[in-house]
């Protein structure tokens, strides 16, 4: 009897698109190309717990400034995840997607508030 070998495919990085902010969920295009919903309260709580003792709002302006200095006109998933990884000193592959989506949503909200003022 032979032992069946497990399939070891190439590991693709997980990426998400720019989230849409709803009253109860963050909606982002996932790796499959389909929209994925993240419960807003839960994702924000995970983000706050992950970044503790720093609050997410304390990191939004420095993120925007870092992207401006790099010359980024738009933000990507890798920008968001690499920034969080740099701040927390944790490999970006170990950061849950909900944290990246929630942080990106905070950035979007901040920029919208600045545009309104």
PDB file of N, CA and C in Angstrom:
ATOM      1  N   UNK A   1       0.845  -1.181   0.000  1.00  0.00           N
ATOM      2  CA  UNK A   1       0.000   0.000   0.000  1.00  0.00           C
ATOM      3  C   UNK A   1       0.886   1.238   0.000  1.00  0.00           C
ATOM      4  N   UNK A   2       0.560   2.185  -0.829  1.00  0.00           N
ATOM      5  CA  UNK A   2       1.352   3.417  -0.894  1.00  0.00           C
ATOM      6  C   UNK A   2       0.653   4.532  -0.130  1.00  0.00           C
ATOM      7  N   UNK A   3       1.468   5.379   0.405  1.00  0.00           N
ATOM      8  CA  UNK A   3       0.933   6.528   1.122  1.00  0.00           C
ATOM      9  C   UNK A   3       0.717   7.661   0.129  1.00  0.00           C
ATOM     10  N   UNK A   4      -0.430   8.229   0.187  1.00  0.00           N
ATOM     11  CA  UNK A   4      -0.756   9.322  -0.715  1.00  0.00           C
ATOM     12  C   UNK A   4       0.014  10.572  -0.318  1.00  0.00           C
ATOM     13  N   UNK A   5       0.630  11.212  -1.284  1.00  0.00           N
ATOM     14  CA  UNK A   5       1.369  12.442  -1.015  1.00  0.00           C
ATOM     15  C   UNK A   5       0.383  13.612  -0.971  1.00  0.00           C
ATOM     16  N   UNK A   6       0.638  14.492  -0.046  1.00  0.00           N
ATOM     17  CA  UNK A   6      -0.221  15.681   0.031  1.00  0.00           C
ATOM     18  C   UNK A   6       0.184  16.652  -1.064  1.00  0.00           C
ATOM     19  N   UNK A   7      -0.753  17.426  -1.488  1.00  0.00           N
ATOM     20  CA  UNK A   7      -0.502  18.414  -2.529  1.00  0.00           C
ATOM     21  C   UNK A   7       0.126  19.649  -1.908  1.00  0.00           C
ATOM     22  N   UNK A   8       1.233  20.057  -2.440  1.00  0.00           N
ATOM     23  CA  UNK A   8       1.901  21.275  -1.966  1.00  0.00           C
ATOM     24  C   UNK A   8       1.972  22.260  -3.113  1.00  0.00           C
ATOM     25  N   UNK A   9       0.954  23.058  -3.240  1.00  0.00           N
ATOM     26  CA  UNK A   9       0.924  24.070  -4.286  1.00  0.00           C
ATOM     27  C   UNK A   9       1.734  25.279  -3.881  1.00  0.00           C
ATOM     28  N   UNK A  10       1.928  26.156  -4.816  1.00  0.00           N
ATOM     29  CA  UNK A  10       2.642  27.390  -4.537  1.00  0.00           C
ATOM     30  C   UNK A  10       1.794  28.261  -3.614  1.00  0.00           C
ATOM     31  N   UNK A  11       2.415  28.774  -2.590  1.00  0.00           N
ATOM     32  CA  UNK A  11       1.681  29.594  -1.627  1.00  0.00           C
ATOM     33  C   UNK A  11       1.537  31.009  -2.177  1.00  0.00           C
ATOM     34  N   UNK A  12       0.314  31.395  -2.444  1.00  0.00           N
ATOM     35  CA  UNK A  12       0.031  32.731  -2.967  1.00  0.00           C
ATOM     36  C   UNK A  12      -0.232  33.680  -1.798  1.00  0.00           C
ATOM     37  N   UNK A  13       0.288  34.900  -1.876  1.00  0.00           N
ATOM     38  CA  UNK A  13       0.006  35.847  -0.800  1.00  0.00           C
ATOM     39  C   UNK A  13      -1.466  36.260  -0.813  1.00  0.00           C
ATOM     40  N   UNK A  14      -2.004  36.478   0.358  1.00  0.00           N
ATOM     41  CA  UNK A  14      -3.390  36.910   0.488  1.00  0.00           C
ATOM     42  C   UNK A  14      -3.423  38.425   0.295  1.00  0.00           C
ATOM     43  N   UNK A  15      -4.313  38.885  -0.564  1.00  0.00           N
ATOM     44  CA  UNK A  15      -4.458  40.322  -0.775  1.00  0.00           C
ATOM     45  C   UNK A  15      -5.936  40.691  -0.768  1.00  0.00           C
ATOM     46  N   UNK A  16      -6.204  41.904  -0.372  1.00  0.00           N
ATOM     47  CA  UNK A  16      -7.560  42.429  -0.376  1.00  0.00           C
ATOM     48  C   UNK A  16      -7.553  43.777  -1.070  1.00  0.00           C
ATOM     49  N   UNK A  17      -8.684  44.121  -1.644  1.00  0.00           N
ATOM     50  CA  UNK A  17      -8.843  45.420  -2.291  1.00  0.00           C
ATOM     51  C   UNK A  17      -9.249  46.474  -1.283  1.00  0.00           C
ATOM     52  N   UNK A  18      -9.285  47.702  -1.751  1.00  0.00           N
ATOM     53  CA  UNK A  18      -9.691  48.832  -0.908  1.00  0.00           C
ATOM     54  C   UNK A  18     -11.080  48.568  -0.344  1.00  0.00           C
ATOM     55  N   UNK A  19     -11.223  48.677   0.982  1.00  0.00           N
ATOM     56  CA  UNK A  19     -12.533  48.375   1.568  1.00  0.00           C
ATOM     57  C   UNK A  19     -13.564  49.473   1.348  1.00  0.00           C
ATOM     58  N   UNK A  20     -14.793  49.037   1.258  1.00  0.00           N
ATOM     59  CA  UNK A  20     -15.940  49.936   1.263  1.00  0.00           C
ATOM     60  C   UNK A  20     -16.472  49.920   2.690  1.00  0.00           C
ATOM     61  N   UNK A  21     -16.753  51.091   3.218  1.00  0.00           N
ATOM     62  CA  UNK A  21     -17.148  51.200   4.617  1.00  0.00           C
ATOM     63  C   UNK A  21     -18.658  51.310   4.709  1.00  0.00           C
ATOM     64  N   UNK A  22     -19.245  50.312   5.348  1.00  0.00           N
ATOM     65  CA  UNK A  22     -20.677  50.319   5.580  1.00  0.00           C
ATOM     66  C   UNK A  22     -20.958  50.576   7.045  1.00  0.00           C
ATOM     67  N   UNK A  23     -22.226  50.732   7.416  1.00  0.00           N
ATOM     68  CA  UNK A  23     -22.551  50.993   8.822  1.00  0.00           C
ATOM     69  C   UNK A  23     -22.220  49.815   9.745  1.00  0.00           C
ATOM     70  N   UNK A  24     -22.257  48.596   9.197  1.00  0.00           N
ATOM     71  CA  UNK A  24     -21.999  47.423  10.043  1.00  0.00           C
ATOM     72  C   UNK A  24     -20.831  46.563   9.582  1.00  0.00           C
ATOM     73  N   UNK A  25     -20.415  46.735   8.344  1.00  0.00           N
ATOM     74  CA  UNK A  25     -19.342  45.885   7.815  1.00  0.00           C
ATOM     75  C   UNK A  25     -18.354  46.701   6.989  1.00  0.00           C
ATOM     76  N   UNK A  26     -17.143  46.147   6.869  1.00  0.00           N
ATOM     77  CA  UNK A  26     -16.176  46.581   5.872  1.00  0.00           C
ATOM     78  C   UNK A  26     -16.260  45.539   4.777  1.00  0.00           C
ATOM     79  N   UNK A  27     -16.388  45.974   3.549  1.00  0.00           N
ATOM     80  CA  UNK A  27     -16.508  45.075   2.416  1.00  0.00           C
ATOM     81  C   UNK A  27     -15.279  45.268   1.531  1.00  0.00           C
ATOM     82  N   UNK A  28     -14.516  44.182   1.331  1.00  0.00           N
ATOM     83  CA  UNK A  28     -13.300  44.256   0.524  1.00  0.00           C
ATOM     84  C   UNK A  28     -13.240  43.058  -0.410  1.00  0.00           C
ATOM     85  N   UNK A  29     -12.715  43.286  -1.597  1.00  0.00           N
ATOM     86  CA  UNK A  29     -12.542  42.187  -2.543  1.00  0.00           C
ATOM     87  C   UNK A  29     -11.412  41.309  -2.040  1.00  0.00           C
ATOM     88  N   UNK A  30     -11.705  40.025  -1.872  1.00  0.00           N
ATOM     89  CA  UNK A  30     -10.741  39.098  -1.315  1.00  0.00           C
ATOM     90  C   UNK A  30      -9.880  38.430  -2.359  1.00  0.00           C
ATOM     91  N   UNK A  31      -9.065  37.474  -1.931  1.00  0.00           N
ATOM     92  CA  UNK A  31      -8.159  36.791  -2.848  1.00  0.00           C
ATOM     93  C   UNK A  31      -8.882  36.025  -3.950  1.00  0.00           C
ATOM     94  N   UNK A  32     -10.108  35.629  -3.710  1.00  0.00           N
ATOM     95  CA  UNK A  32     -10.870  34.877  -4.705  1.00  0.00           C
ATOM     96  C   UNK A  32     -11.474  35.791  -5.773  1.00  0.00           C
ATOM     97  N   UNK A  33     -11.419  37.101  -5.512  1.00  0.00           N
ATOM     98  CA  UNK A  33     -12.034  38.051  -6.430  1.00  0.00           C
ATOM     99  C   UNK A  33     -13.462  38.403  -6.030  1.00  0.00           C
ATOM    100  N   UNK A  34     -13.982  37.721  -5.024  1.00  0.00           N
ATOM    101  CA  UNK A  34     -15.330  37.981  -4.534  1.00  0.00           C
ATOM    102  C   UNK A  34     -15.263  38.904  -3.320  1.00  0.00           C
ATOM    103  N   UNK A  35     -16.306  39.705  -3.104  1.00  0.00           N
ATOM    104  CA  UNK A  35     -16.322  40.576  -1.927  1.00  0.00           C
ATOM    105  C   UNK A  35     -16.419  39.754  -0.641  1.00  0.00           C
ATOM    106  N   UNK A  36     -15.674  40.194   0.350  1.00  0.00           N
ATOM    107  CA  UNK A  36     -15.731  39.567   1.665  1.00  0.00           C
ATOM    108  C   UNK A  36     -16.122  40.626   2.681  1.00  0.00           C
ATOM    109  N   UNK A  37     -17.012  40.251   3.585  1.00  0.00           N
ATOM    110  CA  UNK A  37     -17.493  41.180   4.605  1.00  0.00           C
ATOM    111  C   UNK A  37     -16.766  40.923   5.917  1.00  0.00           C
ATOM    112  N   UNK A  38     -16.377  42.004   6.573  1.00  0.00           N
ATOM    113  CA  UNK A  38     -15.749  41.946   7.888  1.00  0.00           C
ATOM    114  C   UNK A  38     -16.634  42.742   8.836  1.00  0.00           C
ATOM    115  N   UNK A  39     -17.116  42.098   9.889  1.00  0.00           N
ATOM    116  CA  UNK A  39     -17.932  42.786  10.881  1.00  0.00           C
ATOM    117  C   UNK A  39     -17.124  43.966  11.419  1.00  0.00           C
ATOM    118  N   UNK A  40     -17.690  45.147  11.310  1.00  0.00           N
ATOM    119  CA  UNK A  40     -16.957  46.368  11.634  1.00  0.00           C
ATOM    120  C   UNK A  40     -16.545  46.436  13.109  1.00  0.00           C
ATOM    121  N   UNK A  41     -17.467  46.146  14.009  1.00  0.00           N
ATOM    122  CA  UNK A  41     -17.145  46.203  15.443  1.00  0.00           C
ATOM    123  C   UNK A  41     -16.059  45.197  15.797  1.00  0.00           C
ATOM    124  N   UNK A  42     -16.182  43.993  15.271  1.00  0.00           N
ATOM    125  CA  UNK A  42     -15.213  42.942  15.578  1.00  0.00           C
ATOM    126  C   UNK A  42     -13.834  43.278  14.993  1.00  0.00           C
ATOM    127  N   UNK A  43     -13.807  43.747  13.752  1.00  0.00           N
ATOM    128  CA  UNK A  43     -12.530  44.089  13.110  1.00  0.00           C
ATOM    129  C   UNK A  43     -11.855  45.255  13.827  1.00  0.00           C
ATOM    130  N   UNK A  44     -12.628  46.273  14.214  1.00  0.00           N
ATOM    131  CA  UNK A  44     -12.054  47.405  14.942  1.00  0.00           C
ATOM    132  C   UNK A  44     -11.528  46.982  16.310  1.00  0.00           C
ATOM    133  N   UNK A  45     -12.247  46.079  16.978  1.00  0.00           N
ATOM    134  CA  UNK A  45     -11.791  45.581  18.276  1.00  0.00           C
ATOM    135  C   UNK A  45     -10.493  44.775  18.119  1.00  0.00           C
ATOM    136  N   UNK A  46     -10.424  43.940  17.078  1.00  0.00           N
ATOM    137  CA  UNK A  46      -9.196  43.169  16.816  1.00  0.00           C
ATOM    138  C   UNK A  46      -8.030  44.097  16.527  1.00  0.00           C
ATOM    139  N   UNK A  47      -8.283  45.145  15.743  1.00  0.00           N
ATOM    140  CA  UNK A  47      -7.237  46.113  15.415  1.00  0.00           C
ATOM    141  C   UNK A  47      -6.737  46.815  16.670  1.00  0.00           C
ATOM    142  N   UNK A  48      -7.648  47.281  17.501  1.00  0.00           N
ATOM    143  CA  UNK A  48      -7.266  47.975  18.738  1.00  0.00           C
ATOM    144  C   UNK A  48      -6.460  47.052  19.660  1.00  0.00           C
ATOM    145  N   UNK A  49      -6.901  45.811  19.774  1.00  0.00           N
ATOM    146  CA  UNK A  49      -6.193  44.843  20.623  1.00  0.00           C
ATOM    147  C   UNK A  49      -4.806  44.532  20.049  1.00  0.00           C
ATOM    148  N   UNK A  50      -4.724  44.400  18.736  1.00  0.00           N
ATOM    149  CA  UNK A  50      -3.462  44.065  18.077  1.00  0.00           C
ATOM    150  C   UNK A  50      -2.438  45.188  18.227  1.00  0.00           C
ATOM    151  N   UNK A  51      -2.887  46.442  18.130  1.00  0.00           N
ATOM    152  CA  UNK A  51      -1.975  47.589  18.183  1.00  0.00           C
ATOM    153  C   UNK A  51      -1.729  48.113  19.596  1.00  0.00           C
ATOM    154  N   UNK A  52      -2.472  47.624  20.583  1.00  0.00           N
ATOM    155  CA  UNK A  52      -2.352  48.123  21.954  1.00  0.00           C
ATOM    156  C   UNK A  52      -0.888  48.147  22.375  1.00  0.00           C
ATOM    157  N   UNK A  53      -0.386  49.192  22.950  1.00  0.00           N
ATOM    158  CA  UNK A  53      -1.008  50.349  23.581  1.00  0.00           C
ATOM    159  C   UNK A  53      -1.244  51.528  22.636  1.00  0.00           C
ATOM    160  N   UNK A  54      -0.868  51.399  21.371  1.00  0.00           N
ATOM    161  CA  UNK A  54      -1.099  52.477  20.407  1.00  0.00           C
ATOM    162  C   UNK A  54      -2.528  52.352  19.884  1.00  0.00           C
ATOM    163  N   UNK A  55      -3.188  53.476  19.696  1.00  0.00           N
ATOM    164  CA  UNK A  55      -4.532  53.426  19.115  1.00  0.00           C
ATOM    165  C   UNK A  55      -4.407  53.513  17.594  1.00  0.00           C
ATOM    166  N   UNK A  56      -5.351  52.923  16.871  1.00  0.00           N
ATOM    167  CA  UNK A  56      -5.303  53.001  15.407  1.00  0.00           C
ATOM    168  C   UNK A  56      -5.249  54.435  14.891  1.00  0.00           C
ATOM    169  N   UNK A  57      -5.977  55.334  15.537  1.00  0.00           N
ATOM    170  CA  UNK A  57      -6.014  56.725  15.079  1.00  0.00           C
ATOM    171  C   UNK A  57      -4.654  57.408  15.191  1.00  0.00           C
ATOM    172  N   UNK A  58      -3.807  56.944  16.119  1.00  0.00           N
ATOM    173  CA  UNK A  58      -2.466  57.513  16.261  1.00  0.00           C
ATOM    174  C   UNK A  58      -1.555  57.116  15.100  1.00  0.00           C
ATOM    175  N   UNK A  59      -1.905  56.066  14.384  1.00  0.00           N
ATOM    176  CA  UNK A  59      -1.063  55.580  13.290  1.00  0.00           C
ATOM    177  C   UNK A  59      -1.527  56.040  11.911  1.00  0.00           C
ATOM    178  N   UNK A  60      -2.723  56.580  11.828  1.00  0.00           N
ATOM    179  CA  UNK A  60      -3.270  56.946  10.522  1.00  0.00           C
ATOM    180  C   UNK A  60      -2.461  58.076   9.874  1.00  0.00           C
ATOM    181  N   UNK A  61      -2.266  59.177  10.587  1.00  0.00           N
ATOM    182  CA  UNK A  61      -1.526  60.301  10.002  1.00  0.00           C
ATOM    183  C   UNK A  61      -0.087  59.928   9.651  1.00  0.00           C
ATOM    184  N   UNK A  62       0.649  59.225  10.527  1.00  0.00           N
ATOM    185  CA  UNK A  62       1.998  58.807  10.140  1.00  0.00           C
ATOM    186  C   UNK A  62       2.009  57.889   8.903  1.00  0.00           C
ATOM    187  N   UNK A  63       0.988  57.038   8.763  1.00  0.00           N
ATOM    188  CA  UNK A  63       0.890  56.186   7.575  1.00  0.00           C
ATOM    189  C   UNK A  63       0.724  57.044   6.320  1.00  0.00           C
ATOM    190  N   UNK A  64      -0.195  57.993   6.382  1.00  0.00           N
ATOM    191  CA  UNK A  64      -0.445  58.861   5.231  1.00  0.00           C
ATOM    192  C   UNK A  64       0.817  59.648   4.872  1.00  0.00           C
ATOM    193  N   UNK A  65       1.516  60.136   5.876  1.00  0.00           N
ATOM    194  CA  UNK A  65       2.757  60.883   5.641  1.00  0.00           C
ATOM    195  C   UNK A  65       3.836  59.982   5.040  1.00  0.00           C
ATOM    196  N   UNK A  66       3.956  58.757   5.542  1.00  0.00           N
ATOM    197  CA  UNK A  66       4.939  57.811   4.998  1.00  0.00           C
ATOM    198  C   UNK A  66       4.642  57.515   3.530  1.00  0.00           C
ATOM    199  N   UNK A  67       3.376  57.350   3.200  1.00  0.00           N
ATOM    200  CA  UNK A  67       3.009  57.082   1.808  1.00  0.00           C
ATOM    201  C   UNK A  67       3.256  58.305   0.923  1.00  0.00           C
ATOM    202  N   UNK A  68       3.029  59.490   1.480  1.00  0.00           N
ATOM    203  CA  UNK A  68       3.290  60.718   0.726  1.00  0.00           C
ATOM    204  C   UNK A  68       4.783  60.836   0.418  1.00  0.00           C
ATOM    205  N   UNK A  69       5.625  60.530   1.413  1.00  0.00           N
ATOM    206  CA  UNK A  69       7.069  60.613   1.222  1.00  0.00           C
ATOM    207  C   UNK A  69       7.563  59.590   0.197  1.00  0.00           C
ATOM    208  N   UNK A  70       6.885  58.466   0.101  1.00  0.00           N
ATOM    209  CA  UNK A  70       7.247  57.449  -0.888  1.00  0.00           C
ATOM    210  C   UNK A  70       6.696  57.787  -2.274  1.00  0.00           C
ATOM    211  N   UNK A  71       5.835  58.785  -2.340  1.00  0.00           N
ATOM    212  CA  UNK A  71       5.274  59.194  -3.621  1.00  0.00           C
ATOM    213  C   UNK A  71       4.071  58.377  -4.055  1.00  0.00           C
ATOM    214  N   UNK A  72       3.448  57.670  -3.124  1.00  0.00           N
ATOM    215  CA  UNK A  72       2.275  56.849  -3.461  1.00  0.00           C
ATOM    216  C   UNK A  72       1.072  57.745  -3.721  1.00  0.00           C
ATOM    217  N   UNK A  73       0.404  57.506  -4.833  1.00  0.00           N
ATOM    218  CA  UNK A  73      -0.814  58.259  -5.152  1.00  0.00           C
ATOM    219  C   UNK A  73      -2.048  57.527  -4.645  1.00  0.00           C
ATOM    220  N   UNK A  74      -1.941  56.214  -4.558  1.00  0.00           N
ATOM    221  CA  UNK A  74      -3.022  55.375  -4.027  1.00  0.00           C
ATOM    222  C   UNK A  74      -2.373  54.316  -3.142  1.00  0.00           C
ATOM    223  N   UNK A  75      -3.140  53.806  -2.207  1.00  0.00           N
ATOM    224  CA  UNK A  75      -2.613  52.806  -1.282  1.00  0.00           C
ATOM    225  C   UNK A  75      -3.017  51.421  -1.743  1.00  0.00           C
ATOM    226  N   UNK A  76      -2.153  50.467  -1.461  1.00  0.00           N
ATOM    227  CA  UNK A  76      -2.446  49.077  -1.809  1.00  0.00           C
ATOM    228  C   UNK A  76      -2.430  48.240  -0.539  1.00  0.00           C
ATOM    229  N   UNK A  77      -2.876  46.996  -0.683  1.00  0.00           N
ATOM    230  CA  UNK A  77      -2.878  46.062   0.433  1.00  0.00           C
ATOM    231  C   UNK A  77      -1.460  45.906   0.995  1.00  0.00           C
ATOM    232  N   UNK A  78      -0.482  45.811   0.118  1.00  0.00           N
ATOM    233  CA  UNK A  78       0.891  45.622   0.595  1.00  0.00           C
ATOM    234  C   UNK A  78       1.385  46.851   1.356  1.00  0.00           C
ATOM    235  N   UNK A  79       0.972  48.060   0.953  1.00  0.00           N
ATOM    236  CA  UNK A  79       1.348  49.268   1.697  1.00  0.00           C
ATOM    237  C   UNK A  79       0.822  49.197   3.122  1.00  0.00           C
ATOM    238  N   UNK A  80      -0.444  48.854   3.247  1.00  0.00           N
ATOM    239  CA  UNK A  80      -1.097  48.796   4.555  1.00  0.00           C
ATOM    240  C   UNK A  80      -0.449  47.720   5.428  1.00  0.00           C
ATOM    241  N   UNK A  81      -0.304  46.521   4.885  1.00  0.00           N
ATOM    242  CA  UNK A  81       0.222  45.409   5.680  1.00  0.00           C
ATOM    243  C   UNK A  81       1.701  45.598   6.027  1.00  0.00           C
ATOM    244  N   UNK A  82       2.479  46.139   5.096  1.00  0.00           N
ATOM    245  CA  UNK A  82       3.895  46.375   5.390  1.00  0.00           C
ATOM    246  C   UNK A  82       4.071  47.444   6.453  1.00  0.00           C
ATOM    247  N   UNK A  83       3.207  48.454   6.454  1.00  0.00           N
ATOM    248  CA  UNK A  83       3.273  49.494   7.477  1.00  0.00           C
ATOM    249  C   UNK A  83       2.941  48.914   8.855  1.00  0.00           C
ATOM    250  N   UNK A  84       1.866  48.149   8.936  1.00  0.00           N
ATOM    251  CA  UNK A  84       1.497  47.533  10.218  1.00  0.00           C
ATOM    252  C   UNK A  84       2.611  46.587  10.683  1.00  0.00           C
ATOM    253  N   UNK A  85       3.170  45.831   9.751  1.00  0.00           N
ATOM    254  CA  UNK A  85       4.255  44.898  10.093  1.00  0.00           C
ATOM    255  C   UNK A  85       5.476  45.655  10.619  1.00  0.00           C
ATOM    256  N   UNK A  86       5.776  46.786   9.988  1.00  0.00           N
ATOM    257  CA  UNK A  86       6.930  47.580  10.409  1.00  0.00           C
ATOM    258  C   UNK A  86       6.718  48.149  11.810  1.00  0.00           C
ATOM    259  N   UNK A  87       5.512  48.628  12.078  1.00  0.00           N
ATOM    260  CA  UNK A  87       5.198  49.229  13.380  1.00  0.00           C
ATOM    261  C   UNK A  87       5.226  48.174  14.488  1.00  0.00           C
ATOM    262  N   UNK A  88       4.643  47.013  14.211  1.00  0.00           N
ATOM    263  CA  UNK A  88       4.528  45.970  15.244  1.00  0.00           C
ATOM    264  C   UNK A  88       5.697  45.003  15.255  1.00  0.00           C
ATOM    265  N   UNK A  89       6.539  45.054  14.213  1.00  0.00           N
ATOM    266  CA  UNK A  89       7.672  44.135  14.051  1.00  0.00           C
ATOM    267  C   UNK A  89       7.215  42.683  13.989  1.00  0.00           C
ATOM    268  N   UNK A  90       6.113  42.477  13.296  1.00  0.00           N
ATOM    269  CA  UNK A  90       5.561  41.147  13.068  1.00  0.00           C
ATOM    270  C   UNK A  90       5.495  40.934  11.560  1.00  0.00           C
ATOM    271  N   UNK A  91       5.859  39.746  11.105  1.00  0.00           N
ATOM    272  CA  UNK A  91       5.799  39.435   9.684  1.00  0.00           C
ATOM    273  C   UNK A  91       4.373  39.671   9.186  1.00  0.00           C
ATOM    274  N   UNK A  92       4.244  40.371   8.048  1.00  0.00           N
ATOM    275  CA  UNK A  92       2.916  40.729   7.541  1.00  0.00           C
ATOM    276  C   UNK A  92       2.060  39.507   7.257  1.00  0.00           C
ATOM    277  N   UNK A  93       2.676  38.367   6.968  1.00  0.00           N
ATOM    278  CA  UNK A  93       1.908  37.152   6.694  1.00  0.00           C
ATOM    279  C   UNK A  93       1.201  36.625   7.936  1.00  0.00           C
ATOM    280  N   UNK A  94       1.649  37.053   9.115  1.00  0.00           N
ATOM    281  CA  UNK A  94       1.048  36.606  10.370  1.00  0.00           C
ATOM    282  C   UNK A  94      -0.046  37.542  10.876  1.00  0.00           C
ATOM    283  N   UNK A  95      -0.244  38.649  10.188  1.00  0.00           N
ATOM    284  CA  UNK A  95      -1.262  39.620  10.605  1.00  0.00           C
ATOM    285  C   UNK A  95      -2.596  39.220   9.976  1.00  0.00           C
ATOM    286  N   UNK A  96      -3.642  39.042  10.790  1.00  0.00           N
ATOM    287  CA  UNK A  96      -4.951  38.653  10.245  1.00  0.00           C
ATOM    288  C   UNK A  96      -5.498  39.701   9.264  1.00  0.00           C
ATOM    289  N   UNK A  97      -6.146  39.244   8.192  1.00  0.00           N
ATOM    290  CA  UNK A  97      -6.687  40.178   7.200  1.00  0.00           C
ATOM    291  C   UNK A  97      -7.638  41.224   7.780  1.00  0.00           C
ATOM    292  N   UNK A  98      -8.416  40.859   8.788  1.00  0.00           N
ATOM    293  CA  UNK A  98      -9.373  41.806   9.371  1.00  0.00           C
ATOM    294  C   UNK A  98      -8.660  43.036   9.924  1.00  0.00           C
ATOM    295  N   UNK A  99      -7.462  42.857  10.421  1.00  0.00           N
ATOM    296  CA  UNK A  99      -6.698  43.977  10.970  1.00  0.00           C
ATOM    297  C   UNK A  99      -6.277  44.927   9.855  1.00  0.00           C
ATOM    298  N   UNK A 100      -5.802  44.390   8.751  1.00  0.00           N
ATOM    299  CA  UNK A 100      -5.416  45.228   7.617  1.00  0.00           C
ATOM    300  C   UNK A 100      -6.597  45.964   7.019  1.00  0.00           C
ATOM    301  N   UNK A 101      -7.715  45.263   6.867  1.00  0.00           N
ATOM    302  CA  UNK A 101      -8.923  45.888   6.300  1.00  0.00           C
ATOM    303  C   UNK A 101      -9.414  47.002   7.229  1.00  0.00           C
ATOM    304  N   UNK A 102      -9.434  46.748   8.529  1.00  0.00           N
ATOM    305  CA  UNK A 102      -9.911  47.761   9.483  1.00  0.00           C
ATOM    306  C   UNK A 102      -8.994  48.986   9.489  1.00  0.00           C
ATOM    307  N   UNK A 103      -7.677  48.760   9.462  1.00  0.00           N
ATOM    308  CA  UNK A 103      -6.756  49.905   9.454  1.00  0.00           C
ATOM    309  C   UNK A 103      -6.932  50.728   8.180  1.00  0.00           C
ATOM    310  N   UNK A 104      -7.043  50.049   7.047  1.00  0.00           N
ATOM    311  CA  UNK A 104      -7.237  50.745   5.778  1.00  0.00           C
ATOM    312  C   UNK A 104      -8.530  51.561   5.815  1.00  0.00           C
ATOM    313  N   UNK A 105      -9.571  51.014   6.421  1.00  0.00           N
ATOM    314  CA  UNK A 105     -10.839  51.736   6.551  1.00  0.00           C
ATOM    315  C   UNK A 105     -10.662  52.994   7.409  1.00  0.00           C
ATOM    316  N   UNK A 106      -9.858  52.894   8.461  1.00  0.00           N
ATOM    317  CA  UNK A 106      -9.587  54.074   9.302  1.00  0.00           C
ATOM    318  C   UNK A 106      -8.873  55.155   8.492  1.00  0.00           C
ATOM    319  N   UNK A 107      -7.947  54.737   7.635  1.00  0.00           N
ATOM    320  CA  UNK A 107      -7.240  55.688   6.773  1.00  0.00           C
ATOM    321  C   UNK A 107      -8.226  56.371   5.836  1.00  0.00           C
ATOM    322  N   UNK A 108      -9.105  55.602   5.230  1.00  0.00           N
ATOM    323  CA  UNK A 108     -10.104  56.154   4.307  1.00  0.00           C
ATOM    324  C   UNK A 108     -11.007  57.150   5.022  1.00  0.00           C
ATOM    325  N   UNK A 109     -11.482  56.774   6.212  1.00  0.00           N
ATOM    326  CA  UNK A 109     -12.351  57.678   6.968  1.00  0.00           C
ATOM    327  C   UNK A 109     -11.641  58.968   7.319  1.00  0.00           C
ATOM    328  N   UNK A 110     -10.373  58.868   7.730  1.00  0.00           N
ATOM    329  CA  UNK A 110      -9.602  60.056   8.082  1.00  0.00           C
ATOM    330  C   UNK A 110      -9.471  60.982   6.878  1.00  0.00           C
ATOM    331  N   UNK A 111      -9.124  60.406   5.729  1.00  0.00           N
ATOM    332  CA  UNK A 111      -8.953  61.222   4.521  1.00  0.00           C
ATOM    333  C   UNK A 111     -10.282  61.871   4.109  1.00  0.00           C
ATOM    334  N   UNK A 112     -11.390  61.161   4.264  1.00  0.00           N
ATOM    335  CA  UNK A 112     -12.696  61.740   3.938  1.00  0.00           C
ATOM    336  C   UNK A 112     -13.038  62.894   4.877  1.00  0.00           C
ATOM    337  N   UNK A 113     -12.712  62.735   6.171  1.00  0.00           N
ATOM    338  CA  UNK A 113     -12.951  63.800   7.138  1.00  0.00           C
ATOM    339  C   UNK A 113     -12.101  65.019   6.813  1.00  0.00           C
ATOM    340  N   UNK A 114     -10.854  64.806   6.417  1.00  0.00           N
ATOM    341  CA  UNK A 114      -9.977  65.917   6.076  1.00  0.00           C
ATOM    342  C   UNK A 114     -10.469  66.639   4.832  1.00  0.00           C
ATOM    343  N   UNK A 115     -11.001  65.888   3.887  1.00  0.00           N
ATOM    344  CA  UNK A 115     -11.544  66.484   2.659  1.00  0.00           C
ATOM    345  C   UNK A 115     -12.794  67.303   2.920  1.00  0.00           C
ATOM    346  N   UNK A 116     -13.558  66.909   3.948  1.00  0.00           N
ATOM    347  CA  UNK A 116     -14.812  67.594   4.270  1.00  0.00           C
ATOM    348  C   UNK A 116     -14.540  68.896   5.018  1.00  0.00           C
ATOM    349  N   UNK A 117     -13.381  68.981   5.682  1.00  0.00           N
ATOM    350  CA  UNK A 117     -13.080  70.198   6.474  1.00  0.00           C
ATOM    351  C   UNK A 117     -12.421  71.240   5.670  1.00  0.00           C
TER     352      UNK A 117
END
